[in-house]
Amino acid sequence: MGSSPYEEYFPCAEELTQLEKNGPALDETYRELMCHYYICLDLHPSHVNVIKLKSWVEYLFPMVDGLVEDL
């Protein structure tokens, strides 16, 4: 996986197959997260198909934005 706190990394087919066999719960979570990633891409289009980290966080955790501003 990526070595930075936030580094885009998409595993290859072999890694996904291993994940499915060795960690079915993690595989299910990964696949659901990727579905939401592509939904977020559709909701926040960009000319370079890159989601800004803030847009991604706001999509996944809509309540976080308001809570962070209140601190």
Protein backbone atom coordinates (compact mmCIF):
# COMPACT_ATOMS: atom_id res chain seq x y z
CA MET A 1 0.00 0.00 0.00
CA GLY A 2 0.99 3.64 -0.18
CA SER A 3 3.63 4.95 2.20
CA SER A 4 2.16 8.45 2.66
CA PRO A 5 -0.85 9.23 4.88
CA TYR A 6 -2.82 9.94 1.72
CA GLU A 7 -1.50 8.35 -1.41
CA GLU A 8 -3.74 7.09 -4.18
CA TYR A 9 -3.11 3.41 -4.70
CA PHE A 10 -5.18 1.02 -6.72
CA PRO A 11 -4.28 -2.63 -6.26
CA CYS A 12 -3.86 -4.88 -9.29
CA ALA A 13 -6.15 -7.84 -10.03
CA GLU A 14 -3.80 -10.30 -8.31
CA GLU A 15 -3.77 -8.25 -5.09
CA LEU A 16 -7.57 -7.96 -5.17
CA THR A 17 -7.88 -11.73 -5.56
CA GLN A 18 -5.56 -12.27 -2.58
CA LEU A 19 -7.54 -9.76 -0.54
CA GLU A 20 -10.80 -11.49 -1.42
CA LYS A 21 -9.41 -14.86 -0.27
CA ASN A 22 -7.48 -13.74 2.83
CA GLY A 23 -9.66 -10.89 4.09
CA PRO A 24 -13.24 -11.05 2.83
CA ALA A 25 -14.46 -8.35 5.24
CA LEU A 26 -11.65 -6.00 4.21
CA ASP A 27 -12.31 -6.79 0.55
CA GLU A 28 -16.00 -5.94 0.96
CA THR A 29 -15.11 -2.66 2.68
CA TYR A 30 -12.58 -1.79 -0.04
CA ARG A 31 -15.09 -2.44 -2.82
CA GLU A 32 -17.79 -0.38 -1.13
CA LEU A 33 -15.34 2.47 -0.58
CA MET A 34 -14.33 2.37 -4.24
CA CYS A 35 -17.99 2.54 -5.29
CA HIS A 36 -18.39 5.70 -3.23
CA TYR A 37 -15.14 7.06 -4.69
CA TYR A 38 -16.57 6.82 -8.20
CA ILE A 39 -19.91 8.28 -7.08
CA CYS A 40 -17.98 11.21 -5.61
CA LEU A 41 -16.10 11.61 -8.91
CA ASP A 42 -19.45 11.95 -10.68
CA LEU A 43 -20.76 14.45 -8.13
CA HIS A 44 -17.61 16.62 -8.15
CA PRO A 45 -16.35 16.56 -11.74
CA SER A 46 -12.89 17.83 -12.47
CA HIS A 47 -11.01 18.37 -15.69
CA VAL A 48 -8.29 15.95 -14.52
CA ASN A 49 -10.51 13.33 -12.78
CA VAL A 50 -8.94 13.99 -9.41
CA ILE A 51 -11.01 14.40 -6.29
CA LYS A 52 -9.69 16.96 -3.88
CA LEU A 53 -9.23 15.40 -0.46
CA LYS A 54 -11.68 17.89 1.09
CA SER A 55 -14.42 16.95 -1.41
CA TRP A 56 -13.85 13.26 -0.69
CA VAL A 57 -14.06 13.77 3.09
CA GLU A 58 -17.17 15.97 2.77
CA TYR A 59 -18.82 13.30 0.63
CA LEU A 60 -17.99 10.42 3.00
CA PHE A 61 -18.66 12.31 6.22
CA PRO A 62 -21.14 15.12 5.53
CA MET A 63 -21.39 16.09 9.21
CA VAL A 64 -17.61 16.57 9.61
CA ASP A 65 -17.48 19.88 7.74
CA GLY A 66 -19.90 21.60 10.10
CA LEU A 67 -18.30 20.10 13.19
CA VAL A 68 -14.79 21.14 12.18
CA GLU A 69 -15.87 24.74 11.62
CA ASP A 70 -17.49 24.84 15.07
CA LEU A 71 -14.20 24.00 16.85
